[in-house]
C-alpha cells in the first residue's frame, strides 16, 4: 500500500493550508487515518485522527479549533485543513493508514510557517 501526502508549503503566520492523504487505487473509507508531524529535534507527534466507523475525530490540544480532519465523499482522500497557522506548526507532516495487519506511512510533506 502506497500512501501519498500533498499540500505542504510555505505560509505566513495566520495563513491556511490543506493537506491531502491518498492511497492510489485503494479506498480509505474503511480504515482509521491519522496525521502526525515531526519538527527538527523533536519526536513525532499525533496531530489528528479520523476513525473508520464515523466516530468522533481527535485532535492534539495544540491544534484544537484550528485544524480539521475530514474525508472526501468518494472515500479516497483524507484532508487536514489547517487554519491560523503558527510558526510552531512548522514540521514534516505524515499520514498513517491503519490496516488490521499493519500501519502504512507516507513520505511526508513539509509545512513551513514563517514571515
Protein backbone atom coordinates (compact mmCIF):
# COMPACT_ATOMS: atom_id res chain seq x y z
CA UNK A 1 0.00 0.00 0.00
CA UNK A 2 1.42 3.36 -1.02
CA UNK A 3 0.39 6.40 0.99
CA UNK A 4 0.90 9.81 -0.57
CA UNK A 5 0.67 13.18 1.16
CA UNK A 6 0.47 16.52 -0.62
CA UNK A 7 -0.37 20.14 0.03
CA UNK A 8 2.53 21.30 2.14
CA UNK A 9 4.38 24.52 1.55
CA UNK A 10 5.47 27.86 2.91
CA UNK A 11 2.80 30.05 4.50
CA UNK A 12 2.81 33.16 6.63
CA UNK A 13 1.62 33.07 10.25
CA UNK A 14 -2.17 33.20 10.35
CA UNK A 15 -2.45 31.56 6.96
CA UNK A 16 -4.02 28.27 5.91
CA UNK A 17 -3.05 25.08 4.14
CA UNK A 18 -4.92 21.92 3.29
CA UNK A 19 -3.02 18.65 3.33
CA UNK A 20 -4.25 15.60 1.43
CA UNK A 21 -3.61 11.94 2.09
CA UNK A 22 -4.41 9.30 -0.51
CA UNK A 23 -3.55 5.71 -1.34
CA UNK A 24 -3.86 5.40 -5.10
CA UNK A 25 -6.18 2.56 -6.09
CA UNK A 26 -7.24 1.97 -2.50
CA UNK A 27 -10.27 3.18 -0.58
CA UNK A 28 -9.54 4.77 2.77
CA UNK A 29 -13.17 4.71 3.81
CA UNK A 30 -12.90 1.61 5.99
CA UNK A 31 -9.71 2.44 7.84
CA UNK A 32 -8.53 4.80 10.51
CA UNK A 33 -6.24 7.52 9.24
CA UNK A 34 -4.00 9.75 11.28
CA UNK A 35 -1.94 12.87 10.66
CA UNK A 36 1.35 13.18 12.52
CA UNK A 37 4.11 15.74 12.44
CA UNK A 38 7.77 15.89 13.32
CA UNK A 39 9.71 19.06 13.83
CA UNK A 40 13.54 19.13 13.78
CA UNK A 41 14.94 17.74 17.01
CA UNK A 42 11.54 16.65 18.27
CA UNK A 43 9.67 13.39 18.43
CA UNK A 44 6.88 12.60 16.01
CA UNK A 45 3.52 13.56 17.49
CA UNK A 46 -0.03 12.79 16.52
CA UNK A 47 -1.91 15.83 15.29
CA UNK A 48 -5.29 14.36 14.43
CA UNK A 49 -7.03 11.12 13.52
CA UNK A 50 -10.29 10.02 11.99
CA UNK A 51 -11.86 6.67 12.67
CA UNK A 52 -13.24 4.23 10.14
CA UNK A 53 -16.55 3.94 11.94
CA UNK A 54 -17.63 7.55 11.75
CA UNK A 55 -16.87 8.18 15.38
CA UNK A 56 -15.55 11.43 16.74
CA UNK A 57 -12.33 12.82 15.34
CA UNK A 58 -9.44 13.51 17.66
CA UNK A 59 -7.03 16.43 17.82
CA UNK A 60 -3.93 17.32 19.74
CA UNK A 61 -4.55 20.12 22.22
CA UNK A 62 -2.12 22.33 20.33
CA UNK A 63 -4.27 22.30 17.17
CA UNK A 64 -7.82 22.11 18.52
CA UNK A 65 -10.03 24.77 16.99
CA UNK A 66 -7.55 25.42 14.18
CA UNK A 67 -7.21 22.09 12.34
CA UNK A 68 -9.99 19.95 10.90
CA UNK A 69 -9.69 16.39 9.61
CA UNK A 70 -12.19 15.07 7.09
CA UNK A 71 -12.78 12.52 4.35
CA UNK A 72 -13.94 13.18 0.82
CA UNK A 73 -17.26 11.69 -0.29
CA UNK A 74 -15.56 9.17 -2.56
CA UNK A 75 -13.56 7.75 0.35
CA UNK A 76 -10.27 8.13 -1.45
CA UNK A 77 -8.73 11.08 0.36
CA UNK A 78 -8.37 12.32 3.92
CA UNK A 79 -7.76 16.01 4.39
CA UNK A 80 -6.22 18.08 7.13
CA UNK A 81 -7.42 21.67 6.91
CA UNK A 82 -5.03 23.85 8.85
CA UNK A 83 -6.06 27.41 9.71
CA UNK A 84 -4.48 30.15 11.82
CA UNK A 85 -1.10 28.56 11.34
CA UNK A 86 1.67 29.39 13.76
CA UNK A 87 5.46 29.15 13.43
CA UNK A 88 5.38 26.25 15.90
CA UNK A 89 3.29 24.28 13.39
CA UNK A 90 6.37 24.04 11.19
CA UNK A 91 7.19 20.36 10.68
CA UNK A 92 7.09 17.48 8.27
CA UNK A 93 3.55 16.16 8.26
CA UNK A 94 2.94 12.45 7.78
CA UNK A 95 -0.18 10.46 7.07
CA UNK A 96 -0.68 6.99 8.55
CA UNK A 97 -3.24 4.48 7.34
CA UNK A 98 -4.05 1.81 9.92
CA UNK A 99 -4.97 -1.53 8.44
CA UNK A 100 -5.76 -4.54 10.60
CA UNK A 101 -2.38 -6.12 9.89
CA UNK A 102 -0.07 -3.13 9.65
CA UNK A 103 0.29 0.63 9.55
CA UNK A 104 1.36 2.36 6.37
CA UNK A 105 3.09 5.74 6.33
CA UNK A 106 3.56 8.29 3.62
CA UNK A 107 6.84 10.04 2.83
CA UNK A 108 5.76 13.28 4.47
CA UNK A 109 5.12 16.82 3.29
CA UNK A 110 6.92 19.87 4.63
CA UNK A 111 4.91 22.67 6.20
CA UNK A 112 6.80 25.86 7.00
CA UNK A 113 5.11 28.77 8.75
CA UNK A 114 7.26 31.86 8.56
CA UNK A 115 7.08 35.52 7.71
